[in-house]
């Protein structure tokens, strides 16, 4: 095989491999979702709030009452019911069923949390734009 042909084959192989490598935003999504899920599973609500988008926090920051209400609950199960990319891959939505035990009333509550995640090119990070789980929701 001639040297030129080998060089072309190597370049073609590299081009194919680079096309298979997902963009940086795609690689960053799964760990980000897992980190958020871990915070929620352990009922670390202040930590979960750190995943909220800065723009979201400016428009509708969680109130002290909202945070105190969340602290009444211990998460017992976190199940992803559906997940899908949106737009041009810079948005992601997932529907999560969260089972929570109310420590004061000794009852379990089930809520559906519709999450909207958006990628920020500037910070190279995924941010939650739909808020923390709403424990007042009826399911």
C-alpha atoms as a PDB file:
ATOM      1  CA  UNK A   1       0.000   0.000   0.000  1.00  0.00           C
ATOM      2  CA  UNK A   2       1.453   3.333  -0.953  1.00  0.00           C
ATOM      3  CA  UNK A   3       2.286   5.888   1.680  1.00  0.00           C
ATOM      4  CA  UNK A   4      -0.223   8.369   0.234  1.00  0.00           C
ATOM      5  CA  UNK A   5      -3.016   5.814   0.327  1.00  0.00           C
ATOM      6  CA  UNK A   6      -2.194   4.906   3.941  1.00  0.00           C
ATOM      7  CA  UNK A   7      -2.189   8.588   4.896  1.00  0.00           C
ATOM      8  CA  UNK A   8      -5.583   9.072   3.246  1.00  0.00           C
ATOM      9  CA  UNK A   9      -7.001   6.024   5.041  1.00  0.00           C
ATOM     10  CA  UNK A  10      -5.707   7.279   8.393  1.00  0.00           C
ATOM     11  CA  UNK A  11      -7.210  10.725   7.741  1.00  0.00           C
ATOM     12  CA  UNK A  12     -10.516   9.138   6.722  1.00  0.00           C
ATOM     13  CA  UNK A  13     -10.524   6.993   9.871  1.00  0.00           C
ATOM     14  CA  UNK A  14      -9.795  10.044  12.042  1.00  0.00           C
ATOM     15  CA  UNK A  15     -12.598  11.965  10.364  1.00  0.00           C
ATOM     16  CA  UNK A  16     -15.025   9.099  11.029  1.00  0.00           C
ATOM     17  CA  UNK A  17     -13.951   8.840  14.648  1.00  0.00           C
ATOM     18  CA  UNK A  18     -14.267  12.557  15.248  1.00  0.00           C
ATOM     19  CA  UNK A  19     -17.804  12.452  13.829  1.00  0.00           C
ATOM     20  CA  UNK A  20     -18.669   9.769  16.393  1.00  0.00           C
ATOM     21  CA  UNK A  21     -17.453  11.801  19.366  1.00  0.00           C
ATOM     22  CA  UNK A  22     -20.425  13.605  20.899  1.00  0.00           C
ATOM     23  CA  UNK A  23     -20.204  17.357  21.409  1.00  0.00           C
ATOM     24  CA  UNK A  24     -18.964  18.599  24.764  1.00  0.00           C
ATOM     25  CA  UNK A  25     -22.515  19.513  25.810  1.00  0.00           C
ATOM     26  CA  UNK A  26     -23.719  15.939  25.253  1.00  0.00           C
ATOM     27  CA  UNK A  27     -20.897  14.528  27.364  1.00  0.00           C
ATOM     28  CA  UNK A  28     -21.701  17.010  30.140  1.00  0.00           C
ATOM     29  CA  UNK A  29     -25.432  16.201  30.339  1.00  0.00           C
ATOM     30  CA  UNK A  30     -25.424  12.718  31.859  1.00  0.00           C
ATOM     31  CA  UNK A  31     -23.098  13.539  34.787  1.00  0.00           C
ATOM     32  CA  UNK A  32     -25.073  16.710  35.476  1.00  0.00           C
ATOM     33  CA  UNK A  33     -28.384  14.821  35.574  1.00  0.00           C
ATOM     34  CA  UNK A  34     -26.845  12.178  37.836  1.00  0.00           C
ATOM     35  CA  UNK A  35     -25.500  14.822  40.223  1.00  0.00           C
ATOM     36  CA  UNK A  36     -28.903  16.488  40.439  1.00  0.00           C
ATOM     37  CA  UNK A  37     -30.636  13.139  40.932  1.00  0.00           C
ATOM     38  CA  UNK A  38     -28.229  12.346  43.761  1.00  0.00           C
ATOM     39  CA  UNK A  39     -28.992  15.657  45.485  1.00  0.00           C
ATOM     40  CA  UNK A  40     -32.730  15.030  45.232  1.00  0.00           C
ATOM     41  CA  UNK A  41     -32.475  11.353  46.280  1.00  0.00           C
ATOM     42  CA  UNK A  42     -30.631  12.426  49.440  1.00  0.00           C
ATOM     43  CA  UNK A  43     -33.119  15.278  49.993  1.00  0.00           C
ATOM     44  CA  UNK A  44     -30.288  17.809  49.782  1.00  0.00           C
ATOM     45  CA  UNK A  45     -32.576  20.632  48.674  1.00  0.00           C
ATOM     46  CA  UNK A  46     -30.057  23.448  49.018  1.00  0.00           C
ATOM     47  CA  UNK A  47     -27.656  21.462  46.854  1.00  0.00           C
ATOM     48  CA  UNK A  48     -30.411  20.765  44.331  1.00  0.00           C
ATOM     49  CA  UNK A  49     -31.140  24.511  44.193  1.00  0.00           C
ATOM     50  CA  UNK A  50     -27.568  25.105  43.023  1.00  0.00           C
ATOM     51  CA  UNK A  51     -28.541  23.449  39.709  1.00  0.00           C
ATOM     52  CA  UNK A  52     -31.130  26.137  38.960  1.00  0.00           C
ATOM     53  CA  UNK A  53     -30.280  28.425  36.065  1.00  0.00           C
ATOM     54  CA  UNK A  54     -29.107  31.919  37.076  1.00  0.00           C
ATOM     55  CA  UNK A  55     -31.836  33.424  34.848  1.00  0.00           C
ATOM     56  CA  UNK A  56     -34.453  31.260  36.524  1.00  0.00           C
ATOM     57  CA  UNK A  57     -33.220  32.305  39.966  1.00  0.00           C
ATOM     58  CA  UNK A  58     -33.498  35.980  38.986  1.00  0.00           C
ATOM     59  CA  UNK A  59     -37.094  35.568  37.810  1.00  0.00           C
ATOM     60  CA  UNK A  60     -38.443  33.107  40.383  1.00  0.00           C
ATOM     61  CA  UNK A  61     -36.099  32.241  43.203  1.00  0.00           C
ATOM     62  CA  UNK A  62     -37.375  29.579  45.595  1.00  0.00           C
ATOM     63  CA  UNK A  63     -38.833  31.274  48.656  1.00  0.00           C
ATOM     64  CA  UNK A  64     -37.859  30.377  52.207  1.00  0.00           C
ATOM     65  CA  UNK A  65     -41.308  28.812  52.565  1.00  0.00           C
ATOM     66  CA  UNK A  66     -40.729  26.641  49.474  1.00  0.00           C
ATOM     67  CA  UNK A  67     -37.387  25.448  50.836  1.00  0.00           C
ATOM     68  CA  UNK A  68     -38.810  24.759  54.301  1.00  0.00           C
ATOM     69  CA  UNK A  69     -41.684  22.842  52.716  1.00  0.00           C
ATOM     70  CA  UNK A  70     -39.190  20.682  50.774  1.00  0.00           C
ATOM     71  CA  UNK A  71     -37.213  20.025  53.951  1.00  0.00           C
ATOM     72  CA  UNK A  72     -40.292  18.337  55.439  1.00  0.00           C
ATOM     73  CA  UNK A  73     -39.853  15.549  52.895  1.00  0.00           C
ATOM     74  CA  UNK A  74     -37.450  12.636  52.605  1.00  0.00           C
ATOM     75  CA  UNK A  75     -37.221  11.272  49.079  1.00  0.00           C
ATOM     76  CA  UNK A  76     -37.883   7.529  48.939  1.00  0.00           C
ATOM     77  CA  UNK A  77     -37.722   6.976  45.164  1.00  0.00           C
ATOM     78  CA  UNK A  78     -36.666   8.866  42.025  1.00  0.00           C
ATOM     79  CA  UNK A  79     -37.769   7.256  38.759  1.00  0.00           C
ATOM     80  CA  UNK A  80     -37.215   8.765  35.315  1.00  0.00           C
ATOM     81  CA  UNK A  81     -40.409   8.142  33.335  1.00  0.00           C
ATOM     82  CA  UNK A  82     -39.377   9.795  30.069  1.00  0.00           C
ATOM     83  CA  UNK A  83     -36.463  11.777  28.671  1.00  0.00           C
ATOM     84  CA  UNK A  84     -35.837  13.476  25.341  1.00  0.00           C
ATOM     85  CA  UNK A  85     -33.609  16.098  23.733  1.00  0.00           C
ATOM     86  CA  UNK A  86     -35.301  19.239  22.451  1.00  0.00           C
ATOM     87  CA  UNK A  87     -34.432  21.813  19.834  1.00  0.00           C
ATOM     88  CA  UNK A  88     -30.956  21.473  18.389  1.00  0.00           C
ATOM     89  CA  UNK A  89     -29.690  19.356  21.254  1.00  0.00           C
ATOM     90  CA  UNK A  90     -29.121  22.292  23.582  1.00  0.00           C
ATOM     91  CA  UNK A  91     -32.247  21.505  25.607  1.00  0.00           C
ATOM     92  CA  UNK A  92     -33.334  18.356  27.369  1.00  0.00           C
ATOM     93  CA  UNK A  93     -36.538  17.416  29.122  1.00  0.00           C
ATOM     94  CA  UNK A  94     -37.329  14.603  31.466  1.00  0.00           C
ATOM     95  CA  UNK A  95     -40.384  13.571  33.433  1.00  0.00           C
ATOM     96  CA  UNK A  96     -39.466  12.178  36.841  1.00  0.00           C
ATOM     97  CA  UNK A  97     -41.713  10.482  39.369  1.00  0.00           C
ATOM     98  CA  UNK A  98     -40.554  11.356  42.881  1.00  0.00           C
ATOM     99  CA  UNK A  99     -41.892   9.554  45.931  1.00  0.00           C
ATOM    100  CA  UNK A 100     -41.453  11.538  49.127  1.00  0.00           C
ATOM    101  CA  UNK A 101     -42.170  10.761  52.751  1.00  0.00           C
ATOM    102  CA  UNK A 102     -43.596  13.652  54.770  1.00  0.00           C
ATOM    103  CA  UNK A 103     -41.821  13.508  58.128  1.00  0.00           C
ATOM    104  CA  UNK A 104     -44.537  15.483  59.948  1.00  0.00           C
ATOM    105  CA  UNK A 105     -47.580  13.661  58.609  1.00  0.00           C
ATOM    106  CA  UNK A 106     -45.995  10.220  58.134  1.00  0.00           C
ATOM    107  CA  UNK A 107     -47.461   9.833  54.637  1.00  0.00           C
ATOM    108  CA  UNK A 108     -45.897   9.242  51.265  1.00  0.00           C
ATOM    109  CA  UNK A 109     -46.555  11.687  48.453  1.00  0.00           C
ATOM    110  CA  UNK A 110     -45.954  11.058  44.755  1.00  0.00           C
ATOM    111  CA  UNK A 111     -45.222  13.961  42.419  1.00  0.00           C
ATOM    112  CA  UNK A 112     -44.333  14.236  38.751  1.00  0.00           C
ATOM    113  CA  UNK A 113     -41.469  16.619  38.160  1.00  0.00           C
ATOM    114  CA  UNK A 114     -41.270  17.923  34.580  1.00  0.00           C
ATOM    115  CA  UNK A 115     -37.655  19.078  34.232  1.00  0.00           C
ATOM    116  CA  UNK A 116     -36.327  21.366  31.522  1.00  0.00           C
ATOM    117  CA  UNK A 117     -32.550  21.537  31.181  1.00  0.00           C
ATOM    118  CA  UNK A 118     -30.731  23.988  28.894  1.00  0.00           C
ATOM    119  CA  UNK A 119     -27.082  24.068  27.924  1.00  0.00           C
ATOM    120  CA  UNK A 120     -25.186  27.315  28.438  1.00  0.00           C
ATOM    121  CA  UNK A 121     -22.307  27.670  25.974  1.00  0.00           C
ATOM    122  CA  UNK A 122     -20.662  30.362  28.092  1.00  0.00           C
ATOM    123  CA  UNK A 123     -20.378  28.276  31.265  1.00  0.00           C
ATOM    124  CA  UNK A 124     -20.312  24.963  29.349  1.00  0.00           C
ATOM    125  CA  UNK A 125     -22.889  23.640  31.770  1.00  0.00           C
ATOM    126  CA  UNK A 126     -26.452  22.342  31.825  1.00  0.00           C
ATOM    127  CA  UNK A 127     -28.885  24.325  34.000  1.00  0.00           C
ATOM    128  CA  UNK A 128     -32.337  23.467  35.301  1.00  0.00           C
ATOM    129  CA  UNK A 129     -34.949  25.957  34.054  1.00  0.00           C
ATOM    130  CA  UNK A 130     -38.079  24.417  35.540  1.00  0.00           C
ATOM    131  CA  UNK A 131     -37.541  24.863  39.254  1.00  0.00           C
ATOM    132  CA  UNK A 132     -37.349  22.456  42.152  1.00  0.00           C
ATOM    133  CA  UNK A 133     -40.000  19.753  42.657  1.00  0.00           C
ATOM    134  CA  UNK A 134     -43.363  21.161  43.658  1.00  0.00           C
ATOM    135  CA  UNK A 135     -44.563  19.339  46.779  1.00  0.00           C
ATOM    136  CA  UNK A 136     -47.959  21.060  46.542  1.00  0.00           C
ATOM    137  CA  UNK A 137     -48.662  19.299  43.261  1.00  0.00           C
ATOM    138  CA  UNK A 138     -51.517  16.800  43.230  1.00  0.00           C
ATOM    139  CA  UNK A 139     -50.950  13.543  41.390  1.00  0.00           C
END
